[in-house]
Every structure is written in structure tokens, then in C-alpha cells.
Amino acid sequence: MSDVGEGRRARGGGAARRAERTAVRIECAKFIERNIPNLEILNEEALQIIEYNAETVLEEIGVNFVENPAALDRWRDAGADVQGERVRIPRGLARELCKSAPSSYVQHARNPERNVTVGGRGLVLAPVYGPPFVRDEGGRRYATIEDFQKFVKLGYMSKWLHHSGGTVCEPTDVPVNKRHLDMLLAHMTLSDKPYMGSVTEPVRAQDSVEMSDILFGGLDGRTVMTSLININSPLTFDGIMMGALEVYAKANQAAIISPFIVGGAMAPVTVAGTLTQVLAEVLAGVAYSQLIRKGAPVIAGAFVTSIDMNS
């Protein structure tokens, strides 16, 4: 009789089972694995030309690492030609450094059922990033932290969003120097999906790492954030974004290395020329992440649009 009673208590009893049956559960679709072949717009020869020219840009023109003496020292030690803040990367060096970046990684969520695999054939859907305005029945207006919290809740309730995102809107009613703390807290407490960290200052990136360390009870090398690192195109890596990248790479947190390019303004007019610049900037950014920590998870991204040359 005593053994049976202890077994029942260990299983939680009828009240616990009833609570589990009646608990609210938000359904979430698994991240998507693409099985459709890639559409190859360019042939192999054209791709090789773009790749060759991208390395020519890095070798002959170079990239600027501004307001970051430590970055210049790292590149110099790796074999790059550093003159002032201009870094010229010998052909093959960036590509060699990029080899240590993983082809895919798991981003862990607070709820392990929400973990996602980024890279390979994985397709992870996340909310929009960065709008300063919201629109409601009163029209367009600046966003508030209450709006931000509502969007995080909506993203959590959506079955088809696998990720909570980052700056789903810009809460302008919170001071900039603490805004990132409120946004991260919302992602951490109002959703159990993966999220992004802050990149607007290296200190804020470090805050993101430390808050995540508390949330997960110690990171232990796990990747729990994927954050957006923009390149200041053309061919300039500023100290703020690179400082944030350094913080995340050291902590084994993932970064999306993304040029922000308007073709015809920040890049050549032609598509091929723009893609050459995009690849050069991404190569330099991914390579730099591996100088910080070999094997740090990183994604090659791009934001590319065009300008109407008639206007």
C-alpha cells in the first residue's frame, strides 16, 4: 500500500494530470526544411567571375575598419595589409578564414520544442525588423513599448512564425540607453521562441549575452541568439557594429552579416557589380567573425535594393 501511494505521488496525482490536460498550449509549426532545388539564375562561369572580382575588391581596394584599433591589429596579425584604417585582404585569405564558420547551427529557445536549425535547407520565419511606426485606428504614429509587447505576443501566438525576432517595432517612449533591456525582457517573458539580441552598442550586446545567461541558467556554449550586424556600405565596418559582432562571436552567439546596399547609390548600377560588392563585404565580415572566435556561428545575409536613376 505504501509503495503504491508513493508511486502515485511521484506521478503528480489526479490534480496535476487534470491541470496538464486543461493547460493552454500555443501550437507552433516546425521550422521548414526546403526540398525545392535552388533556382540558378547565373551559370557557373558567371558565379566564378563574381567571386574572383569580389576578392579583387578586397585585395586592391580593401575595406575600412573605422574606430577599431583592435580589429586592425587582428587583420595585421592574420596577414592583411593595413594602412591607416584601410584593410586590404590578400586573395584567398578571407575565403580561408570563412572555412571554419559552421554550415548550420541550432538556435536554442527557452522552450526546447521551439529550437530552430539555421542554415542548410532550414527556413526559419521571423517577424519584421525595425519599423519606427505602427498603424492603428488612429492612423500612423510612433511605436511604444506597449505596442512592442503586443507584437511579441502576436508573434508568439502565430503558429507559422518560428522565431520571436528582434526589434519588431521601435519603442520610442523608452530612453535609448535602456530600450534594449525592455525589448529583450519582452521577448524573454512574453514568448518562449528564439529571439535576437541588441546591436546598437557593444555594451548593449554584452547586456544581451548576460541576460540570456541568466534566462538559460548558463549558456554553456549554446547559441541562443541570432543578431543582425549591418555593414556600412560601401566597404566600411564601423566600430559599433563590429564591437557588437565581437561580443557575440566571443560568446558563440550567431550574427547575420548583412550589407545594406542601394544599387546605384552605394554600389555599382549593374546587378553583377552590386553582387560583387555584396560578396566582398560579406566575405570580410564573416572572416572577421572567425578571427574573433574560430567556429562562431555566422550567416551571410544581404539587404539589396535599387534606386530609380531617372529621379
Protein backbone atom coordinates (compact mmCIF):
# COMPACT_ATOMS: atom_id res chain seq x y z
CA MET A 1 0.00 0.00 0.00
CA SER A 2 2.82 2.36 0.91
CA ASP A 3 4.67 1.67 -2.38
CA VAL A 4 1.54 2.30 -4.44
CA GLY A 5 0.88 5.59 -2.68
CA GLU A 6 4.44 6.81 -3.25
CA GLY A 7 4.19 5.91 -6.94
CA ARG A 8 1.02 7.93 -7.30
CA ARG A 9 2.57 10.94 -5.60
CA ALA A 10 5.63 10.68 -7.85
CA ARG A 11 3.42 10.87 -10.92
CA GLY A 12 1.79 14.04 -9.62
CA GLY A 13 -1.70 12.75 -8.78
CA GLY A 14 -5.04 13.43 -10.40
CA ALA A 15 -4.94 17.19 -9.84
CA ALA A 16 -1.65 17.52 -11.70
CA ARG A 17 -2.93 15.41 -14.60
CA ARG A 18 -6.10 17.49 -14.85
CA ALA A 19 -4.05 20.70 -14.81
CA GLU A 20 -1.86 19.37 -17.63
CA ARG A 21 -4.91 18.45 -19.72
CA THR A 22 -6.51 21.87 -19.28
CA ALA A 23 -3.34 23.99 -19.64
CA VAL A 24 -3.26 26.39 -22.58
CA ARG A 25 -0.79 25.33 -25.26
CA ILE A 26 0.18 27.50 -28.22
CA GLU A 27 0.66 25.35 -31.31
CA CYS A 28 3.77 26.10 -33.35
CA ALA A 29 4.77 24.64 -36.70
CA LYS A 30 8.27 23.21 -37.00
CA PHE A 31 10.79 25.26 -38.94
CA ILE A 32 10.65 24.48 -42.66
CA GLU A 33 13.09 22.22 -44.48
CA ARG A 34 13.29 23.22 -48.14
CA ASN A 35 13.21 20.38 -50.66
CA ILE A 36 12.74 22.52 -53.77
CA PRO A 37 16.02 22.90 -55.72
CA ASN A 38 17.58 26.37 -55.87
CA LEU A 39 16.83 28.39 -58.99
CA GLU A 40 20.20 29.06 -60.62
CA ILE A 41 19.91 32.41 -62.41
CA LEU A 42 23.64 32.59 -63.26
CA ASN A 43 25.75 29.84 -64.76
CA GLU A 44 28.93 28.55 -63.14
CA GLU A 45 31.20 30.79 -65.20
CA ALA A 46 29.33 33.94 -64.16
CA LEU A 47 29.47 32.91 -60.49
CA GLN A 48 33.21 32.34 -60.71
CA ILE A 49 33.71 35.78 -62.27
CA ILE A 50 31.77 37.45 -59.44
CA GLU A 51 33.72 35.52 -56.81
CA TYR A 52 37.04 36.37 -58.43
CA ASN A 53 36.14 40.05 -58.71
CA ALA A 54 34.98 40.17 -55.08
CA GLU A 55 38.40 39.01 -53.94
CA THR A 56 39.99 41.57 -56.27
CA VAL A 57 37.99 44.28 -54.48
CA LEU A 58 39.24 43.03 -51.11
CA GLU A 59 42.84 42.82 -52.31
CA GLU A 60 43.14 46.04 -54.31
CA ILE A 61 40.56 48.40 -52.79
CA GLY A 62 40.16 46.90 -49.35
CA VAL A 63 37.65 47.61 -46.61
CA ASN A 64 37.65 50.22 -43.84
CA PHE A 65 37.54 49.17 -40.19
CA VAL A 66 36.94 52.53 -38.54
CA GLU A 67 37.33 53.46 -34.86
CA ASN A 68 38.50 49.93 -34.02
CA PRO A 69 42.30 49.64 -33.49
CA ALA A 70 41.93 46.09 -32.14
CA ALA A 71 40.32 44.97 -35.41
CA LEU A 72 43.22 46.45 -37.38
CA ASP A 73 45.67 44.52 -35.19
CA ARG A 74 43.76 41.28 -35.74
CA TRP A 75 43.82 41.73 -39.51
CA ARG A 76 47.51 42.65 -39.47
CA ASP A 77 48.32 39.51 -37.46
CA ALA A 78 46.26 37.42 -39.92
CA GLY A 79 48.35 38.64 -42.86
CA ALA A 80 46.34 41.55 -44.25
CA ASP A 81 47.90 44.79 -45.47
CA VAL A 82 46.74 47.52 -43.06
CA GLN A 83 47.29 51.16 -43.97
CA GLY A 84 45.58 53.56 -41.59
CA GLU A 85 42.05 52.19 -41.21
CA ARG A 86 42.06 50.55 -44.65
CA VAL A 87 42.48 46.76 -44.65
CA ARG A 88 43.48 45.06 -47.89
CA ILE A 89 42.95 41.32 -47.71
CA PRO A 90 45.20 39.13 -49.89
CA ARG A 91 43.42 36.87 -52.33
CA GLY A 92 42.34 33.66 -50.65
CA LEU A 93 42.75 34.85 -47.05
CA ALA A 94 39.10 35.76 -46.41
CA ARG A 95 37.89 32.58 -48.06
CA GLU A 96 40.28 30.51 -45.95
CA LEU A 97 39.11 32.17 -42.74
CA CYS A 98 35.46 31.58 -43.67
CA LYS A 99 36.01 27.81 -43.82
CA SER A 100 35.76 27.50 -40.04
CA ALA A 101 32.25 29.01 -39.94
CA PRO A 102 29.64 26.22 -39.48
CA SER A 103 27.29 25.48 -42.38
CA SER A 104 24.36 25.33 -39.93
CA TYR A 105 23.68 25.69 -36.24
CA VAL A 106 20.89 25.18 -33.72
CA GLN A 107 19.48 28.28 -32.05
CA HIS A 108 18.13 27.19 -28.69
CA ALA A 109 14.85 28.57 -27.37
CA ARG A 110 13.65 28.84 -23.78
CA ASN A 111 11.24 26.06 -24.73
CA PRO A 112 13.35 23.28 -26.32
CA GLU A 113 10.39 22.38 -28.56
CA ARG A 114 10.91 25.76 -30.27
CA ASN A 115 14.59 25.22 -31.15
CA VAL A 116 15.37 26.01 -34.80
CA THR A 117 18.14 24.93 -37.16
CA VAL A 118 19.55 27.84 -39.16
CA GLY A 119 21.45 27.12 -42.37
CA GLY A 120 21.49 24.25 -44.81
CA ARG A 121 17.95 23.65 -46.02
CA GLY A 122 16.37 25.14 -42.92
CA LEU A 123 13.92 28.02 -43.42
CA VAL A 124 13.05 29.95 -40.25
CA LEU A 125 10.27 32.55 -40.39
CA ALA A 126 10.51 35.60 -38.12
CA PRO A 127 8.64 38.92 -37.73
CA VAL A 128 9.67 42.15 -39.48
CA TYR A 129 12.68 44.03 -38.09
CA GLY A 130 12.98 47.72 -37.26
CA PRO A 131 9.84 49.72 -38.19
CA PRO A 132 9.69 53.02 -36.24
CA PHE A 133 5.95 53.45 -36.81
CA VAL A 134 2.79 51.48 -36.13
CA ARG A 135 -0.66 51.99 -37.59
CA ASP A 136 -3.98 51.55 -35.81
CA GLU A 137 -7.47 53.08 -35.98
CA GLY A 138 -5.92 56.47 -35.24
CA GLY A 139 -3.53 56.28 -38.22
CA ARG A 140 0.24 56.11 -38.31
CA ARG A 141 2.17 57.01 -35.17
CA TYR A 142 5.45 56.31 -33.40
CA ALA A 143 5.58 52.94 -31.65
CA THR A 144 5.59 52.46 -27.86
CA ILE A 145 6.81 49.68 -25.60
CA GLU A 146 3.18 48.57 -25.21
CA ASP A 147 3.00 48.14 -28.99
CA PHE A 148 6.25 46.19 -28.87
CA GLN A 149 4.89 43.85 -26.21
CA LYS A 150 1.70 43.29 -28.21
CA PHE A 151 3.67 42.38 -31.32
CA VAL A 152 5.79 39.92 -29.35
CA LYS A 153 2.61 38.30 -28.02
CA LEU A 154 1.13 38.13 -31.53
CA GLY A 155 4.34 36.58 -32.85
CA TYR A 156 4.21 34.01 -30.06
CA MET A 157 0.59 33.11 -30.88
CA SER A 158 1.26 32.72 -34.61
CA LYS A 159 1.69 29.08 -35.50
CA TRP A 160 3.72 29.94 -38.59
CA LEU A 161 6.36 32.17 -37.00
CA HIS A 162 9.20 30.06 -35.68
CA HIS A 163 11.16 32.97 -34.19
CA SER A 164 10.27 35.93 -31.95
CA GLY A 165 12.55 38.28 -33.91
CA GLY A 166 14.28 41.37 -32.55
CA THR A 167 13.17 44.98 -32.97
CA VAL A 168 9.65 44.17 -34.12
CA CYS A 169 8.99 47.92 -33.76
CA GLU A 170 10.98 50.78 -32.22
CA PRO A 171 9.51 51.72 -28.79
CA THR A 172 10.25 55.44 -28.84
CA ASP A 173 8.73 56.11 -25.41
CA VAL A 174 11.64 54.32 -23.69
CA PRO A 175 15.07 56.04 -23.44
CA VAL A 176 17.57 54.68 -25.96
CA ASN A 177 20.12 53.73 -23.31
CA LYS A 178 17.70 51.24 -21.68
CA ARG A 179 15.36 50.44 -24.55
CA HIS A 180 17.20 47.22 -25.40
CA LEU A 181 16.64 45.89 -21.87
CA ASP A 182 12.86 46.35 -22.11
CA MET A 183 12.73 44.80 -25.59
CA LEU A 184 14.77 41.77 -24.54
CA LEU A 185 12.68 41.33 -21.41
CA ALA A 186 9.54 41.24 -23.55
CA HIS A 187 10.98 38.52 -25.81
CA MET A 188 12.15 36.53 -22.80
CA THR A 189 8.94 36.70 -20.77
CA LEU A 190 6.14 37.00 -23.35
CA SER A 191 7.40 34.29 -25.70
CA ASP A 192 9.38 31.08 -25.46
CA LYS A 193 10.58 31.18 -29.08
CA PRO A 194 14.15 32.08 -30.13
CA TYR A 195 14.97 35.80 -30.25
CA MET A 196 17.56 38.34 -31.39
CA GLY A 197 19.91 40.47 -29.27
CA SER A 198 20.76 44.17 -29.33
CA VAL A 199 23.46 45.51 -31.68
CA THR A 200 23.18 49.28 -31.24
CA GLU A 201 26.21 49.40 -28.90
CA PRO A 202 28.76 46.74 -27.86
CA VAL A 203 27.70 47.29 -24.24
CA ARG A 204 24.10 46.50 -25.20
CA ALA A 205 25.23 43.34 -26.95
CA GLN A 206 27.02 42.36 -23.72
CA ASP A 207 23.81 43.08 -21.77
CA SER A 208 22.00 40.72 -24.17
CA VAL A 209 24.53 37.97 -23.51
CA GLU A 210 24.33 38.42 -19.74
CA MET A 211 20.52 38.48 -19.68
CA SER A 212 20.45 35.33 -21.81
CA ASP A 213 22.94 33.68 -19.47
CA ILE A 214 20.52 34.33 -16.60
CA LEU A 215 17.48 33.15 -18.59
CA PHE A 216 19.08 29.86 -19.66
CA GLY A 217 20.84 29.20 -16.37
CA GLY A 218 24.22 29.44 -18.11
CA LEU A 219 24.87 29.42 -21.84
CA ASP A 220 27.50 26.65 -21.73
CA GLY A 221 28.47 27.34 -25.34
CA ARG A 222 24.89 27.13 -26.62
CA THR A 223 23.76 29.57 -29.30
CA VAL A 224 20.58 31.26 -28.06
CA MET A 225 20.64 34.50 -30.11
CA THR A 226 20.94 35.38 -33.79
CA SER A 227 21.59 39.11 -34.20
CA LEU A 228 21.83 41.44 -37.18
CA ILE A 229 25.18 43.09 -37.99
CA ASN A 230 24.89 45.66 -40.78
CA ILE A 231 27.87 46.75 -42.86
CA ASN A 232 28.05 50.47 -43.50
CA SER A 233 28.25 50.12 -47.27
CA PRO A 234 30.26 50.81 -49.29
CA LEU A 235 33.09 48.74 -47.79
CA THR A 236 33.04 50.23 -44.28
CA PHE A 237 32.81 48.34 -40.99
CA ASP A 238 32.12 50.76 -38.14
CA GLY A 239 33.22 50.29 -34.55
CA ILE A 240 29.69 49.97 -33.13
CA MET A 241 28.56 47.10 -35.32
CA MET A 242 31.93 45.35 -35.25
CA GLY A 243 32.06 45.79 -31.49
CA ALA A 244 28.68 44.06 -31.18
CA LEU A 245 29.89 41.30 -33.52
CA GLU A 246 32.96 40.80 -31.34
CA VAL A 247 30.80 40.40 -28.22
CA TYR A 248 28.52 37.86 -29.86
CA ALA A 249 31.26 35.86 -31.57
CA LYS A 250 33.24 35.57 -28.31
CA ALA A 251 30.11 34.20 -26.61
CA ASN A 252 29.39 31.80 -29.52
CA GLN A 253 26.22 33.69 -30.41
CA ALA A 254 25.21 33.92 -34.06
CA ALA A 255 25.36 37.01 -36.28
CA ILE A 256 23.84 37.83 -39.65
CA ILE A 257 26.48 39.74 -41.64
CA SER A 258 24.38 41.94 -43.88
CA PRO A 259 25.46 44.73 -46.26
CA PHE A 260 22.85 47.47 -46.62
CA ILE A 261 23.10 48.44 -50.26
CA VAL A 262 21.12 50.61 -52.64
CA GLY A 263 22.36 49.80 -56.13
CA GLY A 264 23.39 52.95 -57.98
CA ALA A 265 23.97 54.86 -54.73
CA MET A 266 26.16 52.68 -52.50
CA ALA A 267 27.16 50.19 -55.19
CA PRO A 268 27.55 49.94 -58.98
CA VAL A 269 24.46 50.37 -61.12
CA THR A 270 24.65 46.86 -62.61
CA VAL A 271 23.35 43.80 -60.78
CA ALA A 272 26.62 41.93 -61.32
CA GLY A 273 28.63 44.84 -59.92
CA THR A 274 26.36 45.14 -56.88
CA LEU A 275 26.59 41.39 -56.20
CA THR A 276 30.38 41.62 -56.42
CA GLN A 277 30.41 44.30 -53.73
CA VAL A 278 27.91 42.38 -51.58
CA LEU A 279 30.09 39.28 -51.70
CA ALA A 280 33.25 41.25 -50.91
CA GLU A 281 31.65 42.83 -47.84
CA VAL A 282 30.15 39.56 -46.62
CA LEU A 283 33.45 37.72 -47.07
CA ALA A 284 35.26 40.34 -44.99
CA GLY A 285 32.58 40.30 -42.27
CA VAL A 286 32.34 36.53 -41.96
CA ALA A 287 36.13 36.24 -41.99
CA TYR A 288 36.40 38.80 -39.20
CA SER A 289 33.94 36.84 -37.04
CA GLN A 290 36.26 33.85 -37.36
CA LEU A 291 39.23 35.97 -36.30
CA ILE A 292 37.31 36.66 -33.10
CA ARG A 293 36.36 33.03 -32.48
CA LYS A 294 37.03 30.17 -34.83
CA GLY A 295 33.80 28.29 -35.44
CA ALA A 296 31.49 31.10 -34.28
CA PRO A 297 28.08 30.73 -35.97
CA VAL A 298 27.51 33.33 -38.66
CA ILE A 299 25.12 33.89 -41.57
CA ALA A 300 25.86 35.60 -44.87
CA GLY A 301 22.97 37.98 -45.45
CA ALA A 302 22.23 40.95 -47.68
CA PHE A 303 19.79 43.83 -47.95
CA VAL A 304 19.92 44.97 -51.57
CA THR A 305 17.59 47.28 -53.43
CA SER A 306 17.93 49.72 -56.30
CA ILE A 307 17.40 53.42 -56.94
CA ASP A 308 15.44 54.98 -59.78
CA MET A 309 18.18 56.62 -61.86
CA ASN A 310 15.58 58.78 -63.64
CA SER A 311 14.92 60.73 -60.47
